[in-house]
PDB file of N, CA and C in Angstrom:
ATOM      1  N   MET A   1       0.821  -1.200   0.000  1.00  0.00           N
ATOM      2  CA  MET A   1       0.000   0.000   0.000  1.00  0.00           C
ATOM      3  C   MET A   1       0.863   1.261   0.000  1.00  0.00           C
ATOM      4  N   LYS A   2       1.937   1.271   0.805  1.00  0.00           N
ATOM      5  CA  LYS A   2       2.804   2.442   0.871  1.00  0.00           C
ATOM      6  C   LYS A   2       3.541   2.664  -0.447  1.00  0.00           C
ATOM      7  N   VAL A   3       3.881   1.574  -1.131  1.00  0.00           N
ATOM      8  CA  VAL A   3       4.577   1.691  -2.414  1.00  0.00           C
ATOM      9  C   VAL A   3       3.679   2.391  -3.420  1.00  0.00           C
ATOM     10  N   LYS A   4       2.394   2.055  -3.408  1.00  0.00           N
ATOM     11  CA  LYS A   4       1.442   2.681  -4.332  1.00  0.00           C
ATOM     12  C   LYS A   4       1.363   4.186  -4.082  1.00  0.00           C
ATOM     13  N   LYS A   5       1.302   4.586  -2.801  1.00  0.00           N
ATOM     14  CA  LYS A   5       1.241   6.016  -2.466  1.00  0.00           C
ATOM     15  C   LYS A   5       2.510   6.732  -2.908  1.00  0.00           C
ATOM     16  N   LYS A   6       3.665   6.099  -2.695  1.00  0.00           N
ATOM     17  CA  LYS A   6       4.922   6.714  -3.108  1.00  0.00           C
ATOM     18  C   LYS A   6       4.972   6.868  -4.621  1.00  0.00           C
ATOM     19  N   ASN A   7       4.474   5.874  -5.342  1.00  0.00           N
ATOM     20  CA  ASN A   7       4.429   5.959  -6.801  1.00  0.00           C
ATOM     21  C   ASN A   7       3.509   7.085  -7.249  1.00  0.00           C
ATOM     22  N   GLN A   8       2.372   7.239  -6.573  1.00  0.00           N
ATOM     23  CA  GLN A   8       1.442   8.320  -6.903  1.00  0.00           C
ATOM     24  C   GLN A   8       2.094   9.678  -6.658  1.00  0.00           C
ATOM     25  N   GLU A   9       2.787   9.821  -5.547  1.00  0.00           N
ATOM     26  CA  GLU A   9       3.460  11.081  -5.234  1.00  0.00           C
ATOM     27  C   GLU A   9       4.558  11.379  -6.251  1.00  0.00           C
ATOM     28  N   ALA A  10       5.328  10.363  -6.645  1.00  0.00           N
ATOM     29  CA  ALA A  10       6.383  10.559  -7.644  1.00  0.00           C
ATOM     30  C   ALA A  10       5.769  10.964  -8.980  1.00  0.00           C
ATOM     31  N   PHE A  11       4.657  10.337  -9.346  1.00  0.00           N
ATOM     32  CA  PHE A  11       3.973  10.678 -10.593  1.00  0.00           C
ATOM     33  C   PHE A  11       3.478  12.125 -10.561  1.00  0.00           C
ATOM     34  N   ARG A  12       2.883  12.540  -9.457  1.00  0.00           N
ATOM     35  CA  ARG A  12       2.416  13.930  -9.323  1.00  0.00           C
ATOM     36  C   ARG A  12       3.582  14.908  -9.417  1.00  0.00           C
ATOM     37  N   GLU A  13       4.696  14.551  -8.809  1.00  0.00           N
ATOM     38  CA  GLU A  13       5.876  15.418  -8.858  1.00  0.00           C
ATOM     39  C   GLU A  13       6.390  15.557 -10.292  1.00  0.00           C
ATOM     40  N   GLN A  14       6.418  14.459 -11.022  1.00  0.00           N
ATOM     41  CA  GLN A  14       6.865  14.493 -12.422  1.00  0.00           C
ATOM     42  C   GLN A  14       5.912  15.341 -13.268  1.00  0.00           C
ATOM     43  N   LEU A  15       4.603  15.195 -13.034  1.00  0.00           N
ATOM     44  CA  LEU A  15       3.630  15.995 -13.777  1.00  0.00           C
ATOM     45  C   LEU A  15       3.807  17.482 -13.496  1.00  0.00           C
ATOM     46  N   SER A  16       4.038  17.823 -12.240  1.00  0.00           N
ATOM     47  CA  SER A  16       4.196  19.240 -11.897  1.00  0.00           C
ATOM     48  C   SER A  16       5.435  19.825 -12.575  1.00  0.00           C
ATOM     49  N   LYS A  17       6.504  19.045 -12.664  1.00  0.00           N
ATOM     50  CA  LYS A  17       7.707  19.516 -13.356  1.00  0.00           C
ATOM     51  C   LYS A  17       7.459  19.629 -14.858  1.00  0.00           C
ATOM     52  N   LEU A  18       6.794  18.628 -15.417  1.00  0.00           N
ATOM     53  CA  LEU A  18       6.532  18.617 -16.851  1.00  0.00           C
ATOM     54  C   LEU A  18       5.696  19.808 -17.292  1.00  0.00           C
ATOM     55  N   PHE A  19       4.642  20.108 -16.539  1.00  0.00           N
ATOM     56  CA  PHE A  19       3.739  21.197 -16.899  1.00  0.00           C
ATOM     57  C   PHE A  19       4.091  22.519 -16.217  1.00  0.00           C
ATOM     58  N   GLU A  20       5.215  22.527 -15.484  1.00  0.00           N
ATOM     59  CA  GLU A  20       5.684  23.721 -14.776  1.00  0.00           C
ATOM     60  C   GLU A  20       4.615  24.290 -13.849  1.00  0.00           C
ATOM     61  N   VAL A  21       4.002  23.388 -13.113  1.00  0.00           N
ATOM     62  CA  VAL A  21       2.970  23.744 -12.138  1.00  0.00           C
ATOM     63  C   VAL A  21       3.597  23.600 -10.752  1.00  0.00           C
ATOM     64  N   PRO A  22       3.345  24.537  -9.843  1.00  0.00           N
ATOM     65  CA  PRO A  22       3.905  24.399  -8.496  1.00  0.00           C
ATOM     66  C   PRO A  22       3.495  23.057  -7.864  1.00  0.00           C
ATOM     67  N   PRO A  23       4.407  22.395  -7.170  1.00  0.00           N
ATOM     68  CA  PRO A  23       4.120  21.071  -6.604  1.00  0.00           C
ATOM     69  C   PRO A  23       2.911  21.046  -5.671  1.00  0.00           C
ATOM     70  N   GLU A  24       2.678  22.137  -4.927  1.00  0.00           N
ATOM     71  CA  GLU A  24       1.548  22.144  -3.984  1.00  0.00           C
ATOM     72  C   GLU A  24       0.204  22.071  -4.696  1.00  0.00           C
ATOM     73  N   VAL A  25       0.163  22.471  -5.965  1.00  0.00           N
ATOM     74  CA  VAL A  25      -1.085  22.390  -6.725  1.00  0.00           C
ATOM     75  C   VAL A  25      -1.398  20.940  -7.057  1.00  0.00           C
ATOM     76  N   MET A  26      -0.371  20.149  -7.333  1.00  0.00           N
ATOM     77  CA  MET A  26      -0.551  18.751  -7.740  1.00  0.00           C
ATOM     78  C   MET A  26      -0.610  17.789  -6.546  1.00  0.00           C
ATOM     79  N   SER A  27      -0.186  18.215  -5.387  1.00  0.00           N
ATOM     80  CA  SER A  27      -0.147  17.312  -4.234  1.00  0.00           C
ATOM     81  C   SER A  27      -1.422  17.435  -3.415  1.00  0.00           C
ATOM     82  N   ASP A  28      -1.582  16.501  -2.479  1.00  0.00           N
ATOM     83  CA  ASP A  28      -2.716  16.587  -1.570  1.00  0.00           C
ATOM     84  C   ASP A  28      -2.267  17.014  -0.173  1.00  0.00           C
ATOM     85  N   PHE A  29      -1.075  17.626  -0.101  1.00  0.00           N
ATOM     86  CA  PHE A  29      -0.634  18.225   1.151  1.00  0.00           C
ATOM     87  C   PHE A  29      -1.490  19.448   1.441  1.00  0.00           C
ATOM     88  N   PRO A  30      -1.688  19.789   2.711  1.00  0.00           N
ATOM     89  CA  PRO A  30      -2.488  20.977   3.020  1.00  0.00           C
ATOM     90  C   PRO A  30      -1.782  22.253   2.581  1.00  0.00           C
ATOM     91  N   LYS A  31      -2.552  23.180   2.069  1.00  0.00           N
ATOM     92  CA  LYS A  31      -2.049  24.506   1.730  1.00  0.00           C
ATOM     93  C   LYS A  31      -2.684  25.467   2.722  1.00  0.00           C
ATOM     94  N   ILE A  32      -1.853  26.184   3.473  1.00  0.00           N
ATOM     95  CA  ILE A  32      -2.323  27.038   4.556  1.00  0.00           C
ATOM     96  C   ILE A  32      -1.971  28.479   4.243  1.00  0.00           C
ATOM     97  N   ALA A  33      -2.961  29.356   4.352  1.00  0.00           N
ATOM     98  CA  ALA A  33      -2.731  30.786   4.133  1.00  0.00           C
ATOM     99  C   ALA A  33      -3.245  31.550   5.340  1.00  0.00           C
ATOM    100  N   LEU A  34      -2.399  32.405   5.892  1.00  0.00           N
ATOM    101  CA  LEU A  34      -2.767  33.262   7.027  1.00  0.00           C
ATOM    102  C   LEU A  34      -2.884  34.699   6.567  1.00  0.00           C
ATOM    103  N   THR A  35      -3.923  35.366   7.022  1.00  0.00           N
ATOM    104  CA  THR A  35      -4.065  36.800   6.820  1.00  0.00           C
ATOM    105  C   THR A  35      -3.914  37.435   8.195  1.00  0.00           C
ATOM    106  N   GLY A  36      -2.685  37.896   8.464  1.00  0.00           N
ATOM    107  CA  GLY A  36      -2.390  38.400   9.811  1.00  0.00           C
ATOM    108  C   GLY A  36      -2.622  37.294  10.826  1.00  0.00           C
ATOM    109  N   ASN A  37      -3.243  37.662  11.943  1.00  0.00           N
ATOM    110  CA  ASN A  37      -3.637  36.639  12.916  1.00  0.00           C
ATOM    111  C   ASN A  37      -5.164  36.589  13.039  1.00  0.00           C
ATOM    112  N   LYS A  38      -5.864  37.049  12.004  1.00  0.00           N
ATOM    113  CA  LYS A  38      -7.326  37.149  12.047  1.00  0.00           C
ATOM    114  C   LYS A  38      -8.058  36.156  11.146  1.00  0.00           C
ATOM    115  N   GLU A  39      -7.366  35.586  10.141  1.00  0.00           N
ATOM    116  CA  GLU A  39      -8.052  34.665   9.233  1.00  0.00           C
ATOM    117  C   GLU A  39      -7.063  33.630   8.720  1.00  0.00           C
ATOM    118  N   MET A  40      -7.556  32.407   8.563  1.00  0.00           N
ATOM    119  CA  MET A  40      -6.732  31.302   8.100  1.00  0.00           C
ATOM    120  C   MET A  40      -7.543  30.471   7.124  1.00  0.00           C
ATOM    121  N   SER A  41      -6.939  30.136   5.979  1.00  0.00           N
ATOM    122  CA  SER A  41      -7.585  29.274   4.997  1.00  0.00           C
ATOM    123  C   SER A  41      -6.739  28.028   4.812  1.00  0.00           C
ATOM    124  N   ILE A  42      -7.393  26.874   4.801  1.00  0.00           N
ATOM    125  CA  ILE A  42      -6.691  25.608   4.640  1.00  0.00           C
ATOM    126  C   ILE A  42      -7.359  24.829   3.518  1.00  0.00           C
ATOM    127  N   GLU A  43      -6.552  24.394   2.556  1.00  0.00           N
ATOM    128  CA  GLU A  43      -7.020  23.506   1.495  1.00  0.00           C
ATOM    129  C   GLU A  43      -6.451  22.120   1.760  1.00  0.00           C
ATOM    130  N   ASN A  44      -7.158  21.104   1.315  1.00  0.00           N
ATOM    131  CA  ASN A  44      -6.704  19.705   1.411  1.00  0.00           C
ATOM    132  C   ASN A  44      -6.592  19.199   2.844  1.00  0.00           C
ATOM    133  N   PHE A  45      -7.652  19.331   3.607  1.00  0.00           N
ATOM    134  CA  PHE A  45      -7.690  18.702   4.925  1.00  0.00           C
ATOM    135  C   PHE A  45      -8.631  17.504   4.827  1.00  0.00           C
ATOM    136  N   ASN A  46      -8.502  16.581   5.770  1.00  0.00           N
ATOM    137  CA  ASN A  46      -9.335  15.372   5.729  1.00  0.00           C
ATOM    138  C   ASN A  46     -10.655  15.555   6.473  1.00  0.00           C
ATOM    139  N   ASN A  47     -10.576  15.900   7.761  1.00  0.00           N
ATOM    140  CA  ASN A  47     -11.796  16.106   8.540  1.00  0.00           C
ATOM    141  C   ASN A  47     -11.501  16.876   9.823  1.00  0.00           C
ATOM    142  N   LEU A  48     -12.559  17.453  10.384  1.00  0.00           N
ATOM    143  CA  LEU A  48     -12.444  18.142  11.673  1.00  0.00           C
ATOM    144  C   LEU A  48     -12.459  17.115  12.790  1.00  0.00           C
ATOM    145  N   ILE A  49     -11.565  17.299  13.749  1.00  0.00           N
ATOM    146  CA  ILE A  49     -11.510  16.418  14.914  1.00  0.00           C
ATOM    147  C   ILE A  49     -12.115  17.110  16.124  1.00  0.00           C
ATOM    148  N   GLU A  50     -11.806  18.404  16.269  1.00  0.00           N
ATOM    149  CA  GLU A  50     -12.285  19.182  17.420  1.00  0.00           C
ATOM    150  C   GLU A  50     -12.589  20.598  16.942  1.00  0.00           C
ATOM    151  N   TYR A  51     -13.692  21.136  17.459  1.00  0.00           N
ATOM    152  CA  TYR A  51     -14.073  22.501  17.072  1.00  0.00           C
ATOM    153  C   TYR A  51     -14.691  23.211  18.261  1.00  0.00           C
ATOM    154  N   THR A  52     -13.921  24.139  18.866  1.00  0.00           N
ATOM    155  CA  THR A  52     -14.431  25.008  19.922  1.00  0.00           C
ATOM    156  C   THR A  52     -14.012  26.430  19.568  1.00  0.00           C
ATOM    157  N   THR A  53     -14.440  27.392  20.344  1.00  0.00           N
ATOM    158  CA  THR A  53     -14.052  28.779  20.075  1.00  0.00           C
ATOM    159  C   THR A  53     -12.595  29.057  20.456  1.00  0.00           C
ATOM    160  N   GLN A  54     -11.947  28.104  21.186  1.00  0.00           N
ATOM    161  CA  GLN A  54     -10.545  28.273  21.566  1.00  0.00           C
ATOM    162  C   GLN A  54      -9.596  27.348  20.806  1.00  0.00           C
ATOM    163  N   LYS A  55     -10.111  26.260  20.211  1.00  0.00           N
ATOM    164  CA  LYS A  55      -9.227  25.282  19.568  1.00  0.00           C
ATOM    165  C   LYS A  55      -9.951  24.600  18.420  1.00  0.00           C
ATOM    166  N   ILE A  56      -9.224  24.468  17.300  1.00  0.00           N
ATOM    167  CA  ILE A  56      -9.716  23.697  16.165  1.00  0.00           C
ATOM    168  C   ILE A  56      -8.615  22.722  15.792  1.00  0.00           C
ATOM    169  N   ARG A  57      -8.981  21.444  15.683  1.00  0.00           N
ATOM    170  CA  ARG A  57      -8.024  20.420  15.256  1.00  0.00           C
ATOM    171  C   ARG A  57      -8.599  19.702  14.053  1.00  0.00           C
ATOM    172  N   MET A  58      -7.738  19.418  13.070  1.00  0.00           N
ATOM    173  CA  MET A  58      -8.189  18.696  11.882  1.00  0.00           C
ATOM    174  C   MET A  58      -7.107  17.752  11.402  1.00  0.00           C
ATOM    175  N   SER A  59      -7.544  16.696  10.769  1.00  0.00           N
ATOM    176  CA  SER A  59      -6.645  15.704  10.216  1.00  0.00           C
ATOM    177  C   SER A  59      -6.207  16.139   8.820  1.00  0.00           C
ATOM    178  N   THR A  60      -4.894  16.022   8.548  1.00  0.00           N
ATOM    179  CA  THR A  60      -4.340  16.315   7.227  1.00  0.00           C
ATOM    180  C   THR A  60      -3.362  15.204   6.871  1.00  0.00           C
ATOM    181  N   LYS A  61      -2.870  15.218   5.646  1.00  0.00           N
ATOM    182  CA  LYS A  61      -1.888  14.228   5.225  1.00  0.00           C
ATOM    183  C   LYS A  61      -0.589  14.364   6.025  1.00  0.00           C
ATOM    184  N   CYS A  62      -0.298  15.559   6.540  1.00  0.00           N
ATOM    185  CA  CYS A  62       0.933  15.813   7.295  1.00  0.00           C
ATOM    186  C   CYS A  62       0.799  15.534   8.787  1.00  0.00           C
ATOM    187  N   GLY A  63      -0.378  15.195   9.247  1.00  0.00           N
ATOM    188  CA  GLY A  63      -0.624  14.984  10.667  1.00  0.00           C
ATOM    189  C   GLY A  63      -1.810  15.814  11.124  1.00  0.00           C
ATOM    190  N   ILE A  64      -1.931  15.994  12.427  1.00  0.00           N
ATOM    191  CA  ILE A  64      -3.030  16.755  13.010  1.00  0.00           C
ATOM    192  C   ILE A  64      -2.636  18.231  13.054  1.00  0.00           C
ATOM    193  N   LEU A  65      -3.432  19.072  12.390  1.00  0.00           N
ATOM    194  CA  LEU A  65      -3.221  20.523  12.416  1.00  0.00           C
ATOM    195  C   LEU A  65      -4.027  21.088  13.574  1.00  0.00           C
ATOM    196  N   THR A  66      -3.354  21.825  14.465  1.00  0.00           N
ATOM    197  CA  THR A  66      -3.996  22.413  15.636  1.00  0.00           C
ATOM    198  C   THR A  66      -3.911  23.927  15.547  1.00  0.00           C
ATOM    199  N   ILE A  67      -5.068  24.580  15.732  1.00  0.00           N
ATOM    200  CA  ILE A  67      -5.139  26.039  15.739  1.00  0.00           C
ATOM    201  C   ILE A  67      -5.691  26.460  17.093  1.00  0.00           C
ATOM    202  N   ASP A  68      -4.923  27.257  17.843  1.00  0.00           N
ATOM    203  CA  ASP A  68      -5.372  27.799  19.118  1.00  0.00           C
ATOM    204  C   ASP A  68      -5.667  29.280  18.932  1.00  0.00           C
ATOM    205  N   GLY A  69      -6.716  29.759  19.599  1.00  0.00           N
ATOM    206  CA  GLY A  69      -7.041  31.168  19.453  1.00  0.00           C
ATOM    207  C   GLY A  69      -8.184  31.612  20.341  1.00  0.00           C
ATOM    208  N   ILE A  70      -8.723  32.769  20.014  1.00  0.00           N
ATOM    209  CA  ILE A  70      -9.813  33.387  20.754  1.00  0.00           C
ATOM    210  C   ILE A  70     -10.951  33.644  19.784  1.00  0.00           C
ATOM    211  N   GLU A  71     -12.148  33.247  20.176  1.00  0.00           N
ATOM    212  CA  GLU A  71     -13.351  33.436  19.370  1.00  0.00           C
ATOM    213  C   GLU A  71     -13.190  32.895  17.946  1.00  0.00           C
ATOM    214  N   LEU A  72     -12.625  31.692  17.849  1.00  0.00           N
ATOM    215  CA  LEU A  72     -12.453  31.059  16.545  1.00  0.00           C
ATOM    216  C   LEU A  72     -13.800  30.599  16.013  1.00  0.00           C
ATOM    217  N   GLU A  73     -13.996  30.765  14.716  1.00  0.00           N
ATOM    218  CA  GLU A  73     -15.217  30.282  14.078  1.00  0.00           C
ATOM    219  C   GLU A  73     -14.911  29.880  12.642  1.00  0.00           C
ATOM    220  N   VAL A  74     -15.611  28.866  12.178  1.00  0.00           N
ATOM    221  CA  VAL A  74     -15.495  28.440  10.792  1.00  0.00           C
ATOM    222  C   VAL A  74     -16.463  29.290   9.995  1.00  0.00           C
ATOM    223  N   SER A  75     -15.930  30.091   9.064  1.00  0.00           N
ATOM    224  CA  SER A  75     -16.810  30.966   8.294  1.00  0.00           C
ATOM    225  C   SER A  75     -17.215  30.345   6.964  1.00  0.00           C
ATOM    226  N   LYS A  76     -16.364  29.488   6.399  1.00  0.00           N
ATOM    227  CA  LYS A  76     -16.675  28.773   5.158  1.00  0.00           C
ATOM    228  C   LYS A  76     -16.088  27.383   5.254  1.00  0.00           C
ATOM    229  N   MET A  77     -16.792  26.397   4.670  1.00  0.00           N
ATOM    230  CA  MET A  77     -16.253  25.044   4.680  1.00  0.00           C
ATOM    231  C   MET A  77     -16.853  24.230   3.546  1.00  0.00           C
ATOM    232  N   THR A  78     -15.982  23.556   2.794  1.00  0.00           N
ATOM    233  CA  THR A  78     -16.412  22.595   1.787  1.00  0.00           C
ATOM    234  C   THR A  78     -15.728  21.270   2.122  1.00  0.00           C
ATOM    235  N   ALA A  79     -15.790  20.318   1.222  1.00  0.00           N
ATOM    236  CA  ALA A  79     -15.192  19.011   1.478  1.00  0.00           C
ATOM    237  C   ALA A  79     -13.683  19.065   1.680  1.00  0.00           C
ATOM    238  N   ASP A  80     -12.988  20.027   1.043  1.00  0.00           N
ATOM    239  CA  ASP A  80     -11.537  20.091   1.182  1.00  0.00           C
ATOM    240  C   ASP A  80     -10.993  21.501   1.412  1.00  0.00           C
ATOM    241  N   TYR A  81     -11.856  22.425   1.804  1.00  0.00           N
ATOM    242  CA  TYR A  81     -11.446  23.820   2.023  1.00  0.00           C
ATOM    243  C   TYR A  81     -12.169  24.361   3.251  1.00  0.00           C
ATOM    244  N   ILE A  82     -11.420  25.096   4.076  1.00  0.00           N
ATOM    245  CA  ILE A  82     -12.030  25.683   5.270  1.00  0.00           C
ATOM    246  C   ILE A  82     -11.409  27.051   5.531  1.00  0.00           C
ATOM    247  N   THR A  83     -12.228  28.011   5.971  1.00  0.00           N
ATOM    248  CA  THR A  83     -11.754  29.327   6.381  1.00  0.00           C
ATOM    249  C   THR A  83     -12.130  29.525   7.843  1.00  0.00           C
ATOM    250  N   ILE A  84     -11.142  29.909   8.629  1.00  0.00           N
ATOM    251  CA  ILE A  84     -11.325  30.123  10.061  1.00  0.00           C
ATOM    252  C   ILE A  84     -11.060  31.586  10.361  1.00  0.00           C
ATOM    253  N   LYS A  85     -11.951  32.193  11.133  1.00  0.00           N
ATOM    254  CA  LYS A  85     -11.781  33.590  11.554  1.00  0.00           C
ATOM    255  C   LYS A  85     -11.733  33.654  13.070  1.00  0.00           C
ATOM    256  N   GLY A  86     -11.118  34.714  13.577  1.00  0.00           N
ATOM    257  CA  GLY A  86     -10.953  34.923  15.009  1.00  0.00           C
ATOM    258  C   GLY A  86      -9.547  35.425  15.247  1.00  0.00           C
ATOM    259  N   THR A  87      -9.125  35.423  16.499  1.00  0.00           N
ATOM    260  CA  THR A  87      -7.750  35.798  16.826  1.00  0.00           C
ATOM    261  C   THR A  87      -6.928  34.519  16.939  1.00  0.00           C
ATOM    262  N   ILE A  88      -6.042  34.314  15.984  1.00  0.00           N
ATOM    263  CA  ILE A  88      -5.234  33.093  15.943  1.00  0.00           C
ATOM    264  C   ILE A  88      -3.962  33.329  16.749  1.00  0.00           C
ATOM    265  N   ILE A  89      -3.775  32.496  17.761  1.00  0.00           N
ATOM    266  CA  ILE A  89      -2.629  32.638  18.664  1.00  0.00           C
ATOM    267  C   ILE A  89      -1.494  31.701  18.273  1.00  0.00           C
ATOM    268  N   GLN A  90      -1.862  30.469  17.898  1.00  0.00           N
ATOM    269  CA  GLN A  90      -0.818  29.469  17.631  1.00  0.00           C
ATOM    270  C   GLN A  90      -1.324  28.462  16.612  1.00  0.00           C
ATOM    271  N   VAL A  91      -0.423  28.030  15.716  1.00  0.00           N
ATOM    272  CA  VAL A  91      -0.726  27.005  14.719  1.00  0.00           C
ATOM    273  C   VAL A  91       0.386  25.971  14.779  1.00  0.00           C
ATOM    274  N   GLY A  92       0.024  24.693  14.779  1.00  0.00           N
ATOM    275  CA  GLY A  92       1.058  23.667  14.826  1.00  0.00           C
ATOM    276  C   GLY A  92       0.575  22.335  14.295  1.00  0.00           C
ATOM    277  N   PHE A  93       1.531  21.441  14.032  1.00  0.00           N
ATOM    278  CA  PHE A  93       1.238  20.085  13.583  1.00  0.00           C
ATOM    279  C   PHE A  93       1.656  19.092  14.653  1.00  0.00           C
ATOM    280  N   ILE A  94       0.842  18.066  14.837  1.00  0.00           N
ATOM    281  CA  ILE A  94       1.197  16.924  15.688  1.00  0.00           C
ATOM    282  C   ILE A  94       1.372  15.753  14.739  1.00  0.00           C
ATOM    283  N   LEU A  95       2.584  15.225  14.687  1.00  0.00           N
ATOM    284  CA  LEU A  95       2.884  14.134  13.744  1.00  0.00           C
ATOM    285  C   LEU A  95       2.526  12.788  14.294  1.00  0.00           C
TER     286      LEU A  95
END
């Protein structure tokens, strides 16, 4: 099973080089964008694990993404995209 995933990742990497597309566009790694400490957008997450106004945790391919803050709220969410607003204090991964 792991060999298949590695082959898929190598294939995606080759495609990104061939078409001169940034690797993050072709991969399923999370893409995280912060706007100051007030808004955060995450693409390519798996699912929400915990959601409170002080902490949001979600599963990603890189591990568990943890966001700590004040008055956190999910303002937009689709199957693979989420926008979080509030005062973001800390962001980290648990491997």
